């Protein structure tokens, strides 16, 4: 089974080299698809010069958001299983084997890596945790799922599902939207515990309360108006 690893990137010059090394070192057969979402910190230039063999790089001329970057990456997928990987080192590719196992053995169509079911994690922001749990609860109520971490980066799924869903969100509305799409398809969804090395804002974390409010809007939107 071939993995298609889609990596949306925006201003991650400081971590990009390391994340590509980590992804490149995983033993599974894979293709690596990086989408530079209009970076302004030298990421674009580094990717053009140093991305390396086996890394398929796509560029947005201006910043359009994570959803738009992931959607661009999806268009180039040729593998059997898709993995979404952030470029910020908060999520560790060493866990791919655990994430794909329920799909490989036929139990699951989709797997979410949960930060809240027992894996080690860096202790950081209380209100981020509360916001995440609230958004996950609301999403679960409207999709009739019982996820513990709807907002996780690690969403892993059979590539053929891309022929059955259309993603519209450009920014962080992507997370509740794709969850709603999977629920409407009645996909078999599993969660597995993952580790999480969260960043502070000083270390480059980008998500803010505004993204949380946008996610709230999109949870409601994709239940009742789409």
N, C-alpha and C. Protein backbone atom coordinates (compact mmCIF):
# COMPACT_ATOMS: atom_id res chain seq x y z
N UNK A 1 0.85 -1.20 0.00
CA UNK A 1 0.00 0.00 0.00
C UNK A 1 0.88 1.25 0.00
N UNK A 2 0.59 2.15 -0.90
CA UNK A 2 1.37 3.38 -1.02
C UNK A 2 0.70 4.52 -0.26
N UNK A 3 1.49 5.25 0.54
CA UNK A 3 0.99 6.39 1.27
C UNK A 3 1.19 7.67 0.46
N UNK A 4 0.18 8.52 0.47
CA UNK A 4 0.30 9.87 -0.08
C UNK A 4 0.28 10.84 1.10
N UNK A 5 1.40 11.46 1.37
CA UNK A 5 1.54 12.33 2.54
C UNK A 5 1.46 13.77 2.05
N UNK A 6 0.37 14.45 2.44
CA UNK A 6 0.12 15.82 1.99
C UNK A 6 0.51 16.77 3.12
N UNK A 7 1.45 17.69 2.82
CA UNK A 7 2.00 18.59 3.82
C UNK A 7 1.71 20.04 3.42
N UNK A 8 0.68 20.67 4.02
CA UNK A 8 0.48 22.10 3.77
C UNK A 8 1.49 22.91 4.56
N UNK A 9 2.08 23.93 3.94
CA UNK A 9 3.16 24.69 4.57
C UNK A 9 2.89 26.18 4.42
N UNK A 10 2.99 26.90 5.53
CA UNK A 10 2.95 28.36 5.49
C UNK A 10 3.93 28.92 6.51
N UNK A 11 4.99 29.53 6.02
CA UNK A 11 6.01 30.16 6.88
C UNK A 11 6.54 29.20 7.94
N UNK A 12 7.09 28.08 7.46
CA UNK A 12 7.66 27.08 8.37
C UNK A 12 9.12 26.78 7.99
N UNK A 13 9.85 27.80 7.60
CA UNK A 13 11.24 27.60 7.19
C UNK A 13 12.07 26.94 8.29
N UNK A 14 11.80 27.28 9.54
CA UNK A 14 12.60 26.76 10.64
C UNK A 14 12.43 25.28 10.90
N UNK A 15 11.31 24.69 10.47
CA UNK A 15 11.04 23.28 10.77
C UNK A 15 10.98 22.41 9.51
N UNK A 16 10.97 23.03 8.36
CA UNK A 16 10.69 22.30 7.12
C UNK A 16 11.72 21.22 6.82
N UNK A 17 13.00 21.55 6.96
CA UNK A 17 14.04 20.58 6.69
C UNK A 17 13.88 19.34 7.57
N UNK A 18 13.62 19.55 8.86
CA UNK A 18 13.50 18.43 9.79
C UNK A 18 12.25 17.60 9.52
N UNK A 19 11.12 18.24 9.24
CA UNK A 19 9.91 17.44 9.01
C UNK A 19 10.04 16.60 7.75
N UNK A 20 10.70 17.12 6.72
CA UNK A 20 10.89 16.32 5.50
C UNK A 20 11.84 15.16 5.75
N UNK A 21 12.84 15.36 6.61
CA UNK A 21 13.72 14.25 6.96
C UNK A 21 12.93 13.17 7.71
N UNK A 22 12.08 13.58 8.64
CA UNK A 22 11.30 12.61 9.42
C UNK A 22 10.32 11.85 8.53
N UNK A 23 9.63 12.58 7.66
CA UNK A 23 8.69 11.92 6.75
C UNK A 23 9.44 11.00 5.79
N UNK A 24 10.55 11.48 5.28
CA UNK A 24 11.33 10.67 4.35
C UNK A 24 11.88 9.39 4.95
N UNK A 25 12.05 9.37 6.28
CA UNK A 25 12.64 8.20 6.93
C UNK A 25 11.63 7.11 7.29
N UNK A 26 10.34 7.38 7.14
CA UNK A 26 9.38 6.33 7.47
C UNK A 26 9.50 5.21 6.45
N UNK A 27 9.35 3.95 6.88
CA UNK A 27 9.68 2.82 6.01
C UNK A 27 8.64 2.50 4.94
N UNK A 28 7.43 3.04 5.06
CA UNK A 28 6.38 2.68 4.12
C UNK A 28 6.65 3.26 2.72
N UNK A 29 6.14 2.57 1.71
CA UNK A 29 6.14 3.11 0.35
C UNK A 29 5.32 4.39 0.34
N UNK A 30 5.82 5.46 -0.25
CA UNK A 30 5.16 6.75 -0.08
C UNK A 30 5.48 7.72 -1.20
N UNK A 31 4.61 8.72 -1.32
CA UNK A 31 4.90 9.93 -2.08
C UNK A 31 4.68 11.10 -1.13
N UNK A 32 5.50 12.13 -1.27
CA UNK A 32 5.44 13.30 -0.40
C UNK A 32 5.02 14.50 -1.24
N UNK A 33 3.89 15.11 -0.87
CA UNK A 33 3.34 16.24 -1.62
C UNK A 33 3.32 17.44 -0.70
N UNK A 34 4.16 18.43 -0.98
CA UNK A 34 4.24 19.64 -0.18
C UNK A 34 3.55 20.78 -0.93
N UNK A 35 2.68 21.50 -0.23
CA UNK A 35 2.00 22.65 -0.83
C UNK A 35 2.39 23.89 -0.05
N UNK A 36 3.19 24.75 -0.69
CA UNK A 36 3.59 26.01 -0.06
C UNK A 36 2.48 27.04 -0.29
N UNK A 37 1.88 27.47 0.80
CA UNK A 37 0.69 28.32 0.73
C UNK A 37 1.07 29.81 0.81
N UNK A 38 1.89 30.27 -0.15
CA UNK A 38 2.24 31.68 -0.23
C UNK A 38 3.14 32.15 0.90
N UNK A 39 4.11 31.34 1.29
CA UNK A 39 5.01 31.71 2.39
C UNK A 39 5.83 32.96 2.05
N UNK A 40 6.22 33.67 3.11
CA UNK A 40 6.99 34.91 2.94
C UNK A 40 8.27 34.92 3.77
N UNK A 41 8.64 33.78 4.36
CA UNK A 41 9.77 33.74 5.30
C UNK A 41 10.98 32.99 4.75
N UNK A 42 11.02 32.75 3.45
CA UNK A 42 12.10 31.99 2.85
C UNK A 42 11.76 30.54 2.58
N UNK A 43 10.58 30.10 3.03
CA UNK A 43 10.15 28.72 2.77
C UNK A 43 10.10 28.42 1.27
N UNK A 44 9.52 29.34 0.50
CA UNK A 44 9.37 29.12 -0.94
C UNK A 44 10.72 28.91 -1.61
N UNK A 45 11.66 29.77 -1.29
CA UNK A 45 12.99 29.68 -1.91
C UNK A 45 13.69 28.39 -1.52
N UNK A 46 13.54 28.00 -0.23
CA UNK A 46 14.18 26.76 0.22
C UNK A 46 13.59 25.56 -0.51
N UNK A 47 12.29 25.54 -0.65
CA UNK A 47 11.65 24.41 -1.34
C UNK A 47 12.10 24.32 -2.79
N UNK A 48 12.25 25.45 -3.45
CA UNK A 48 12.68 25.45 -4.85
C UNK A 48 14.10 24.93 -5.00
N UNK A 49 14.94 25.16 -3.99
CA UNK A 49 16.35 24.82 -4.10
C UNK A 49 16.72 23.50 -3.42
N UNK A 50 15.98 23.13 -2.35
CA UNK A 50 16.49 22.08 -1.47
C UNK A 50 15.49 21.01 -1.08
N UNK A 51 14.32 20.97 -1.68
CA UNK A 51 13.30 20.01 -1.24
C UNK A 51 13.76 18.57 -1.38
N UNK A 52 14.56 18.30 -2.38
CA UNK A 52 15.12 16.96 -2.53
C UNK A 52 14.32 16.06 -3.45
N UNK A 53 14.96 14.98 -3.83
CA UNK A 53 14.32 14.01 -4.72
C UNK A 53 13.15 13.34 -4.03
N UNK A 54 12.11 13.07 -4.80
CA UNK A 54 10.96 12.37 -4.25
C UNK A 54 9.96 13.24 -3.55
N UNK A 55 10.20 14.56 -3.51
CA UNK A 55 9.26 15.49 -2.90
C UNK A 55 8.61 16.31 -4.00
N UNK A 56 7.32 16.16 -4.14
CA UNK A 56 6.55 16.90 -5.15
C UNK A 56 6.07 18.20 -4.51
N UNK A 57 6.55 19.33 -5.02
CA UNK A 57 6.24 20.62 -4.41
C UNK A 57 5.31 21.43 -5.30
N UNK A 58 4.26 21.97 -4.70
CA UNK A 58 3.29 22.82 -5.38
C UNK A 58 3.27 24.18 -4.67
N UNK A 59 2.97 25.23 -5.42
CA UNK A 59 3.04 26.58 -4.86
C UNK A 59 1.75 27.35 -5.08
N UNK A 60 1.29 28.03 -4.02
CA UNK A 60 0.26 29.05 -4.15
C UNK A 60 0.94 30.40 -4.22
N UNK A 61 0.48 31.26 -5.10
CA UNK A 61 1.09 32.57 -5.24
C UNK A 61 0.81 33.48 -4.04
N UNK A 62 -0.32 33.24 -3.36
CA UNK A 62 -0.63 33.99 -2.15
C UNK A 62 -1.23 33.05 -1.12
N UNK A 63 -1.23 33.49 0.12
CA UNK A 63 -1.75 32.67 1.20
C UNK A 63 -3.26 32.50 1.07
N UNK A 64 -3.72 31.24 1.02
CA UNK A 64 -5.14 30.95 0.86
C UNK A 64 -5.72 30.16 2.02
N UNK A 65 -4.85 29.57 2.85
CA UNK A 65 -5.33 28.83 4.01
C UNK A 65 -5.07 27.34 3.91
N UNK A 66 -5.12 26.67 5.09
CA UNK A 66 -4.82 25.25 5.14
C UNK A 66 -5.74 24.42 4.27
N UNK A 67 -7.04 24.72 4.31
CA UNK A 67 -7.98 23.94 3.51
C UNK A 67 -7.66 24.01 2.03
N UNK A 68 -7.33 25.20 1.54
CA UNK A 68 -6.99 25.37 0.13
C UNK A 68 -5.71 24.62 -0.21
N UNK A 69 -4.72 24.67 0.70
CA UNK A 69 -3.46 23.98 0.45
C UNK A 69 -3.65 22.47 0.42
N UNK A 70 -4.42 21.95 1.36
CA UNK A 70 -4.68 20.51 1.38
C UNK A 70 -5.45 20.09 0.13
N UNK A 71 -6.41 20.90 -0.27
CA UNK A 71 -7.18 20.59 -1.47
C UNK A 71 -6.28 20.53 -2.71
N UNK A 72 -5.33 21.44 -2.83
CA UNK A 72 -4.37 21.41 -3.93
C UNK A 72 -3.56 20.12 -3.88
N UNK A 73 -3.13 19.73 -2.68
CA UNK A 73 -2.38 18.49 -2.55
C UNK A 73 -3.19 17.27 -2.93
N UNK A 74 -4.45 17.26 -2.55
CA UNK A 74 -5.32 16.12 -2.86
C UNK A 74 -5.40 15.87 -4.37
N UNK A 75 -5.30 16.92 -5.16
CA UNK A 75 -5.42 16.78 -6.61
C UNK A 75 -4.27 15.97 -7.21
N UNK A 76 -3.16 15.84 -6.47
CA UNK A 76 -1.98 15.14 -6.98
C UNK A 76 -1.78 13.76 -6.36
N UNK A 77 -2.69 13.34 -5.52
CA UNK A 77 -2.55 12.05 -4.83
C UNK A 77 -2.63 10.89 -5.81
N UNK A 78 -1.67 9.97 -5.70
CA UNK A 78 -1.70 8.74 -6.51
C UNK A 78 -1.62 7.48 -5.65
N UNK A 79 -1.52 7.64 -4.34
CA UNK A 79 -1.38 6.48 -3.45
C UNK A 79 -2.70 5.86 -3.05
N UNK A 80 -2.63 4.92 -2.13
CA UNK A 80 -3.81 4.19 -1.66
C UNK A 80 -4.37 4.77 -0.36
N UNK A 81 -3.50 5.37 0.46
CA UNK A 81 -3.90 5.94 1.74
C UNK A 81 -3.34 7.36 1.83
N UNK A 82 -4.17 8.30 2.23
CA UNK A 82 -3.76 9.69 2.37
C UNK A 82 -3.51 10.01 3.83
N UNK A 83 -2.40 10.69 4.11
CA UNK A 83 -2.09 11.19 5.45
C UNK A 83 -1.85 12.69 5.36
N UNK A 84 -2.52 13.46 6.20
CA UNK A 84 -2.27 14.90 6.28
C UNK A 84 -1.25 15.14 7.39
N UNK A 85 -0.18 15.83 7.03
CA UNK A 85 0.93 16.06 7.95
C UNK A 85 1.24 17.55 8.04
N UNK A 86 1.11 18.15 9.23
CA UNK A 86 1.55 19.53 9.41
C UNK A 86 3.07 19.59 9.37
N UNK A 87 3.60 20.78 9.06
CA UNK A 87 5.04 20.96 8.89
C UNK A 87 5.73 21.49 10.14
N UNK A 88 5.02 21.58 11.26
CA UNK A 88 5.53 22.33 12.42
C UNK A 88 6.16 21.47 13.52
N UNK A 89 6.32 20.17 13.29
CA UNK A 89 6.94 19.24 14.24
C UNK A 89 6.08 18.95 15.46
N UNK A 90 4.83 19.39 15.48
CA UNK A 90 3.96 19.04 16.60
C UNK A 90 3.50 17.58 16.52
N UNK A 91 3.49 17.02 15.32
CA UNK A 91 3.04 15.64 15.09
C UNK A 91 4.20 14.84 14.50
N UNK A 92 4.38 13.62 14.98
CA UNK A 92 5.57 12.83 14.65
C UNK A 92 5.26 11.73 13.64
N UNK A 93 5.87 11.77 12.45
CA UNK A 93 5.62 10.74 11.43
C UNK A 93 5.98 9.33 11.85
N UNK A 94 6.74 9.15 12.93
CA UNK A 94 7.06 7.80 13.38
C UNK A 94 5.80 7.02 13.72
N UNK A 95 4.68 7.71 13.89
CA UNK A 95 3.43 7.06 14.27
C UNK A 95 2.56 6.65 13.08
N UNK A 96 3.07 6.79 11.86
CA UNK A 96 2.28 6.40 10.68
C UNK A 96 1.83 4.95 10.75
N UNK A 97 2.72 4.07 11.20
CA UNK A 97 2.36 2.65 11.24
C UNK A 97 1.13 2.40 12.08
N UNK A 98 1.04 3.04 13.24
CA UNK A 98 -0.12 2.90 14.10
C UNK A 98 -1.37 3.49 13.45
N UNK A 99 -1.19 4.60 12.75
CA UNK A 99 -2.34 5.28 12.14
C UNK A 99 -2.95 4.49 10.99
N UNK A 100 -2.13 3.85 10.20
CA UNK A 100 -2.67 3.15 9.03
C UNK A 100 -3.12 1.73 9.33
N UNK A 101 -2.76 1.19 10.48
CA UNK A 101 -3.07 -0.20 10.79
C UNK A 101 -4.55 -0.54 10.68
N UNK A 102 -5.48 0.27 11.24
CA UNK A 102 -6.89 -0.10 11.12
C UNK A 102 -7.40 -0.10 9.67
N UNK A 103 -6.76 0.68 8.79
CA UNK A 103 -7.14 0.65 7.38
C UNK A 103 -6.56 -0.58 6.71
N UNK A 104 -5.31 -0.88 6.99
CA UNK A 104 -4.66 -2.03 6.37
C UNK A 104 -5.35 -3.34 6.71
N UNK A 105 -5.84 -3.46 7.95
CA UNK A 105 -6.47 -4.74 8.32
C UNK A 105 -7.98 -4.77 8.06
N UNK A 106 -8.49 -3.72 7.38
CA UNK A 106 -9.88 -3.75 6.92
C UNK A 106 -10.92 -3.28 7.89
N UNK A 107 -10.51 -2.76 9.06
CA UNK A 107 -11.49 -2.29 10.04
C UNK A 107 -12.00 -0.89 9.75
N UNK A 108 -11.20 -0.05 9.12
CA UNK A 108 -11.51 1.37 9.03
C UNK A 108 -11.36 1.90 7.61
N UNK A 109 -12.14 2.93 7.32
CA UNK A 109 -11.96 3.73 6.11
C UNK A 109 -11.16 5.00 6.43
N UNK A 110 -11.31 5.47 7.67
CA UNK A 110 -10.71 6.72 8.12
C UNK A 110 -10.15 6.51 9.52
N UNK A 111 -8.99 7.11 9.80
CA UNK A 111 -8.41 7.05 11.14
C UNK A 111 -8.00 8.47 11.56
N UNK A 112 -8.40 8.85 12.77
CA UNK A 112 -7.97 10.12 13.36
C UNK A 112 -6.96 9.82 14.46
N UNK A 113 -5.87 10.57 14.47
CA UNK A 113 -4.91 10.46 15.56
C UNK A 113 -5.31 11.39 16.68
N UNK A 114 -5.67 10.85 17.83
CA UNK A 114 -6.19 11.66 18.93
C UNK A 114 -5.10 12.02 19.93
N UNK A 115 -5.05 13.31 20.26
CA UNK A 115 -4.12 13.81 21.28
C UNK A 115 -4.65 13.60 22.69
N UNK A 116 -5.87 13.09 22.82
CA UNK A 116 -6.53 13.05 24.13
C UNK A 116 -6.92 11.64 24.57
N UNK A 117 -6.27 10.62 24.04
CA UNK A 117 -6.62 9.25 24.42
C UNK A 117 -5.41 8.47 24.92
N UNK A 118 -4.46 9.17 25.53
CA UNK A 118 -3.41 8.45 26.23
C UNK A 118 -1.99 8.64 25.75
N UNK A 119 -1.79 9.29 24.61
CA UNK A 119 -0.43 9.50 24.14
C UNK A 119 0.27 10.61 24.92
N UNK A 120 1.61 10.60 24.99
CA UNK A 120 2.33 11.67 25.68
C UNK A 120 2.18 12.99 24.95
N UNK A 121 2.05 14.06 25.70
CA UNK A 121 1.94 15.36 25.07
C UNK A 121 2.55 16.44 25.95
N UNK A 122 3.03 17.48 25.29
CA UNK A 122 3.54 18.64 26.02
C UNK A 122 2.37 19.38 26.66
N UNK A 123 2.53 19.78 27.91
CA UNK A 123 1.48 20.50 28.63
C UNK A 123 1.58 21.97 28.28
N UNK A 124 0.47 22.53 27.72
CA UNK A 124 0.50 23.93 27.31
C UNK A 124 -0.74 24.70 27.75
N UNK A 125 -1.64 25.01 26.81
CA UNK A 125 -2.66 26.02 27.02
C UNK A 125 -4.00 25.42 27.44
N UNK A 126 -4.48 25.78 28.62
CA UNK A 126 -5.76 25.28 29.12
C UNK A 126 -6.90 25.68 28.19
N UNK A 127 -6.95 26.95 27.78
CA UNK A 127 -8.09 27.41 26.99
C UNK A 127 -8.08 26.84 25.58
N UNK A 128 -6.92 26.49 25.06
CA UNK A 128 -6.89 25.77 23.79
C UNK A 128 -7.55 24.41 23.95
N UNK A 129 -7.23 23.74 25.06
CA UNK A 129 -7.82 22.43 25.34
C UNK A 129 -9.34 22.54 25.46
N UNK A 130 -9.81 23.54 26.21
CA UNK A 130 -11.25 23.72 26.38
C UNK A 130 -11.92 24.01 25.04
N UNK A 131 -11.31 24.90 24.25
CA UNK A 131 -11.88 25.22 22.94
C UNK A 131 -11.94 24.02 22.03
N UNK A 132 -10.86 23.23 22.03
CA UNK A 132 -10.83 22.03 21.21
C UNK A 132 -11.92 21.05 21.62
N UNK A 133 -12.06 20.84 22.93
CA UNK A 133 -13.07 19.88 23.40
C UNK A 133 -14.48 20.37 23.08
N UNK A 134 -14.70 21.70 23.19
CA UNK A 134 -16.02 22.24 22.87
C UNK A 134 -16.35 22.05 21.39
N UNK A 135 -15.39 22.36 20.51
CA UNK A 135 -15.63 22.21 19.07
C UNK A 135 -15.83 20.74 18.71
N UNK A 136 -15.06 19.86 19.34
CA UNK A 136 -15.24 18.42 19.08
C UNK A 136 -16.61 17.96 19.55
N UNK A 137 -17.04 18.42 20.73
CA UNK A 137 -18.36 18.03 21.25
C UNK A 137 -19.46 18.49 20.31
N UNK A 138 -19.40 19.73 19.86
CA UNK A 138 -20.44 20.24 18.96
C UNK A 138 -20.43 19.48 17.64
N UNK A 139 -19.25 19.24 17.11
CA UNK A 139 -19.14 18.45 15.88
C UNK A 139 -19.74 17.06 16.08
N UNK A 140 -19.42 16.42 17.20
CA UNK A 140 -19.97 15.09 17.48
C UNK A 140 -21.49 15.11 17.57
N UNK A 141 -22.03 16.14 18.20
CA UNK A 141 -23.49 16.24 18.33
C UNK A 141 -24.16 16.31 16.97
N UNK A 142 -23.54 17.05 16.04
CA UNK A 142 -24.18 17.29 14.74
C UNK A 142 -23.84 16.21 13.70
N UNK A 143 -22.79 15.42 13.95
CA UNK A 143 -22.46 14.33 13.03
C UNK A 143 -22.82 12.96 13.59
N UNK A 144 -23.20 12.91 14.88
CA UNK A 144 -23.49 11.67 15.59
C UNK A 144 -22.27 10.76 15.65
N UNK A 145 -21.10 11.36 15.78
CA UNK A 145 -19.87 10.61 16.02
C UNK A 145 -19.48 10.78 17.49
N UNK A 146 -18.47 10.04 17.93
CA UNK A 146 -17.98 10.23 19.29
C UNK A 146 -16.46 10.39 19.29
N UNK A 147 -15.98 11.27 18.42
CA UNK A 147 -14.56 11.58 18.37
C UNK A 147 -14.12 12.28 19.65
N UNK A 148 -12.86 12.12 19.99
CA UNK A 148 -12.29 12.88 21.11
C UNK A 148 -11.46 14.06 20.64
N UNK A 149 -11.12 14.11 19.33
CA UNK A 149 -10.21 15.15 18.83
C UNK A 149 -10.49 15.43 17.36
N UNK A 150 -11.58 16.14 17.11
CA UNK A 150 -11.95 16.46 15.72
C UNK A 150 -10.92 17.35 15.05
N UNK A 151 -10.23 18.21 15.80
CA UNK A 151 -9.32 19.19 15.24
C UNK A 151 -7.91 18.65 14.98
N UNK A 152 -7.67 17.39 15.25
CA UNK A 152 -6.34 16.84 15.04
C UNK A 152 -5.86 17.02 13.61
N UNK A 153 -4.56 17.23 13.47
CA UNK A 153 -3.96 17.26 12.13
C UNK A 153 -4.04 15.88 11.47
N UNK A 154 -3.78 14.83 12.25
CA UNK A 154 -3.65 13.50 11.66
C UNK A 154 -5.01 12.92 11.30
N UNK A 155 -5.38 13.17 10.06
CA UNK A 155 -6.55 12.54 9.45
C UNK A 155 -6.03 11.67 8.32
N UNK A 156 -6.30 10.38 8.43
CA UNK A 156 -5.76 9.37 7.54
C UNK A 156 -6.93 8.62 6.93
N UNK A 157 -6.92 8.42 5.62
CA UNK A 157 -8.09 7.81 5.00
C UNK A 157 -7.75 7.16 3.67
N UNK A 158 -8.62 6.24 3.25
CA UNK A 158 -8.46 5.60 1.95
C UNK A 158 -8.56 6.66 0.85
N UNK A 159 -7.63 6.61 -0.08
CA UNK A 159 -7.56 7.65 -1.11
C UNK A 159 -8.79 7.67 -2.01
N UNK A 160 -9.45 6.54 -2.18
CA UNK A 160 -10.61 6.51 -3.06
C UNK A 160 -11.77 7.35 -2.52
N UNK A 161 -11.73 7.71 -1.23
CA UNK A 161 -12.78 8.58 -0.69
C UNK A 161 -12.74 9.97 -1.30
N UNK A 162 -11.58 10.36 -1.86
CA UNK A 162 -11.48 11.68 -2.48
C UNK A 162 -12.40 11.83 -3.69
N UNK A 163 -12.81 10.73 -4.28
CA UNK A 163 -13.73 10.79 -5.41
C UNK A 163 -15.17 11.02 -4.95
N UNK A 164 -15.41 10.92 -3.63
CA UNK A 164 -16.77 11.01 -3.10
C UNK A 164 -17.02 12.26 -2.29
N UNK A 165 -15.98 13.06 -2.03
CA UNK A 165 -16.16 14.28 -1.24
C UNK A 165 -15.59 15.47 -1.98
N UNK A 166 -16.18 16.62 -1.75
CA UNK A 166 -15.68 17.89 -2.29
C UNK A 166 -15.45 18.84 -1.13
N UNK A 167 -14.20 19.24 -0.93
CA UNK A 167 -13.85 20.16 0.14
C UNK A 167 -13.95 21.59 -0.36
N UNK A 168 -14.64 22.44 0.40
CA UNK A 168 -14.86 23.82 0.00
C UNK A 168 -14.10 24.83 0.87
N UNK A 169 -13.83 24.47 2.11
CA UNK A 169 -13.21 25.42 3.04
C UNK A 169 -11.78 25.73 2.64
N UNK A 170 -11.41 27.00 2.73
CA UNK A 170 -10.05 27.41 2.42
C UNK A 170 -9.15 27.42 3.65
N UNK A 171 -9.71 27.67 4.83
CA UNK A 171 -8.86 27.83 6.00
C UNK A 171 -9.13 26.72 7.01
N UNK A 172 -9.18 27.04 8.30
CA UNK A 172 -9.28 25.99 9.30
C UNK A 172 -10.68 25.37 9.39
N UNK A 173 -11.63 25.87 8.60
CA UNK A 173 -12.91 25.20 8.49
C UNK A 173 -12.78 23.83 7.86
N UNK A 174 -11.59 23.56 7.28
CA UNK A 174 -11.34 22.25 6.68
C UNK A 174 -11.56 21.11 7.67
N UNK A 175 -11.14 21.29 8.93
CA UNK A 175 -11.20 20.18 9.89
C UNK A 175 -12.64 19.73 10.16
N UNK A 176 -13.56 20.64 10.54
CA UNK A 176 -14.95 20.18 10.72
C UNK A 176 -15.62 19.78 9.42
N UNK A 177 -15.20 20.41 8.30
CA UNK A 177 -15.85 20.06 7.04
C UNK A 177 -15.55 18.62 6.64
N UNK A 178 -14.28 18.23 6.63
CA UNK A 178 -13.97 16.87 6.18
C UNK A 178 -14.56 15.85 7.14
N UNK A 179 -14.64 16.20 8.43
CA UNK A 179 -15.28 15.30 9.40
C UNK A 179 -16.75 15.11 9.07
N UNK A 180 -17.43 16.20 8.75
CA UNK A 180 -18.84 16.12 8.37
C UNK A 180 -19.02 15.31 7.09
N UNK A 181 -18.10 15.49 6.14
CA UNK A 181 -18.18 14.72 4.88
C UNK A 181 -18.03 13.21 5.16
N UNK A 182 -17.06 12.85 5.98
CA UNK A 182 -16.87 11.43 6.31
C UNK A 182 -18.11 10.88 7.01
N UNK A 183 -18.70 11.66 7.91
CA UNK A 183 -19.88 11.20 8.64
C UNK A 183 -21.05 10.97 7.68
N UNK A 184 -21.24 11.89 6.73
CA UNK A 184 -22.34 11.74 5.77
C UNK A 184 -22.17 10.51 4.89
N UNK A 185 -20.92 10.14 4.63
CA UNK A 185 -20.65 8.94 3.84
C UNK A 185 -20.77 7.66 4.68
N UNK A 186 -20.97 7.84 5.99
CA UNK A 186 -21.03 6.70 6.92
C UNK A 186 -19.74 5.88 6.89
N UNK A 187 -18.62 6.58 6.81
CA UNK A 187 -17.32 5.92 6.84
C UNK A 187 -17.10 5.25 8.19
N UNK A 188 -16.35 4.19 8.18
CA UNK A 188 -15.92 3.54 9.42
C UNK A 188 -14.71 4.32 9.94
N UNK A 189 -14.90 5.04 11.04
CA UNK A 189 -13.87 5.93 11.57
C UNK A 189 -13.31 5.36 12.87
N UNK A 190 -11.99 5.29 12.93
CA UNK A 190 -11.30 4.86 14.15
C UNK A 190 -10.46 6.03 14.67
N UNK A 191 -10.19 6.00 15.97
CA UNK A 191 -9.20 6.89 16.58
C UNK A 191 -8.09 6.05 17.19
N UNK A 192 -6.87 6.54 17.09
CA UNK A 192 -5.74 5.91 17.78
C UNK A 192 -4.99 7.00 18.54
N UNK A 193 -4.41 6.68 19.69
CA UNK A 193 -3.67 7.69 20.46
C UNK A 193 -2.37 8.07 19.77
N UNK A 194 -2.04 9.35 19.82
CA UNK A 194 -0.77 9.84 19.27
C UNK A 194 -0.10 10.74 20.30
N UNK A 195 1.18 10.96 20.12
CA UNK A 195 1.90 11.95 20.93
C UNK A 195 1.68 13.33 20.31
N UNK A 196 1.95 14.37 21.11
CA UNK A 196 1.75 15.73 20.62
C UNK A 196 2.75 16.66 21.28
N UNK A 197 3.56 17.32 20.46
CA UNK A 197 4.57 18.26 20.96
C UNK A 197 4.16 19.67 20.57
N UNK A 198 3.17 20.20 21.26
CA UNK A 198 2.61 21.51 20.90
C UNK A 198 3.62 22.63 21.04
N UNK A 199 3.42 23.67 20.23
CA UNK A 199 4.29 24.85 20.26
C UNK A 199 3.61 26.00 20.99
N UNK A 200 4.42 26.91 21.50
CA UNK A 200 3.90 28.18 22.00
C UNK A 200 3.82 29.16 20.83
N UNK A 201 3.19 30.31 21.07
CA UNK A 201 3.14 31.33 20.03
C UNK A 201 4.53 31.86 19.72
N UNK A 202 5.39 31.93 20.72
CA UNK A 202 6.75 32.38 20.50
C UNK A 202 7.52 31.40 19.61
N UNK A 203 7.13 30.15 19.66
CA UNK A 203 7.78 29.12 18.85
C UNK A 203 7.15 28.98 17.46
N UNK A 204 6.09 29.74 17.21
CA UNK A 204 5.53 29.75 15.86
C UNK A 204 4.10 29.27 15.72
N UNK A 205 3.42 28.96 16.82
CA UNK A 205 2.02 28.51 16.72
C UNK A 205 1.19 29.59 16.08
N UNK A 206 0.27 29.21 15.18
CA UNK A 206 -0.47 30.20 14.40
C UNK A 206 -1.95 30.27 14.74
N UNK A 207 -2.55 29.17 15.18
CA UNK A 207 -4.01 29.15 15.37
C UNK A 207 -4.41 30.05 16.54
N UNK A 208 -5.50 30.80 16.37
CA UNK A 208 -5.96 31.75 17.39
C UNK A 208 -7.44 31.54 17.66
N UNK A 209 -7.99 32.35 18.58
CA UNK A 209 -9.41 32.26 18.91
C UNK A 209 -10.28 32.55 17.69
N UNK A 210 -9.78 33.36 16.77
CA UNK A 210 -10.56 33.65 15.55
C UNK A 210 -10.78 32.38 14.72
N UNK A 211 -9.76 31.52 14.69
CA UNK A 211 -9.90 30.25 13.98
C UNK A 211 -10.91 29.36 14.67
N UNK A 212 -10.96 29.43 16.01
CA UNK A 212 -11.96 28.68 16.74
C UNK A 212 -13.37 29.14 16.42
N UNK A 213 -13.56 30.45 16.33
CA UNK A 213 -14.87 30.98 15.98
C UNK A 213 -15.26 30.57 14.56
N UNK A 214 -14.28 30.60 13.66
CA UNK A 214 -14.56 30.17 12.28
C UNK A 214 -14.94 28.70 12.24
N UNK A 215 -14.25 27.87 13.04
CA UNK A 215 -14.58 26.44 13.08
C UNK A 215 -16.00 26.23 13.58
N UNK A 216 -16.40 27.01 14.59
CA UNK A 216 -17.76 26.93 15.11
C UNK A 216 -18.78 27.20 14.00
N UNK A 217 -18.54 28.25 13.23
CA UNK A 217 -19.42 28.58 12.10
C UNK A 217 -19.49 27.43 11.10
N UNK A 218 -18.33 26.84 10.78
CA UNK A 218 -18.31 25.80 9.75
C UNK A 218 -18.96 24.51 10.24
N UNK A 219 -18.86 24.20 11.53
CA UNK A 219 -19.54 23.02 12.05
C UNK A 219 -21.04 23.12 11.79
N UNK A 220 -21.60 24.28 12.07
CA UNK A 220 -23.03 24.51 11.85
C UNK A 220 -23.35 24.56 10.37
N UNK A 221 -22.48 25.23 9.61
CA UNK A 221 -22.70 25.37 8.16
C UNK A 221 -22.82 24.01 7.46
N UNK A 222 -21.85 23.12 7.75
CA UNK A 222 -21.82 21.87 7.00
C UNK A 222 -22.82 20.85 7.51
N UNK A 223 -23.50 21.14 8.62
CA UNK A 223 -24.60 20.30 9.05
C UNK A 223 -25.91 20.75 8.42
N UNK A 224 -26.16 22.05 8.40
CA UNK A 224 -27.49 22.53 8.04
C UNK A 224 -27.58 23.26 6.71
N UNK A 225 -26.47 23.73 6.16
CA UNK A 225 -26.53 24.60 4.98
C UNK A 225 -25.70 24.12 3.82
N UNK A 226 -25.25 22.89 3.83
CA UNK A 226 -24.43 22.40 2.72
C UNK A 226 -24.83 20.96 2.38
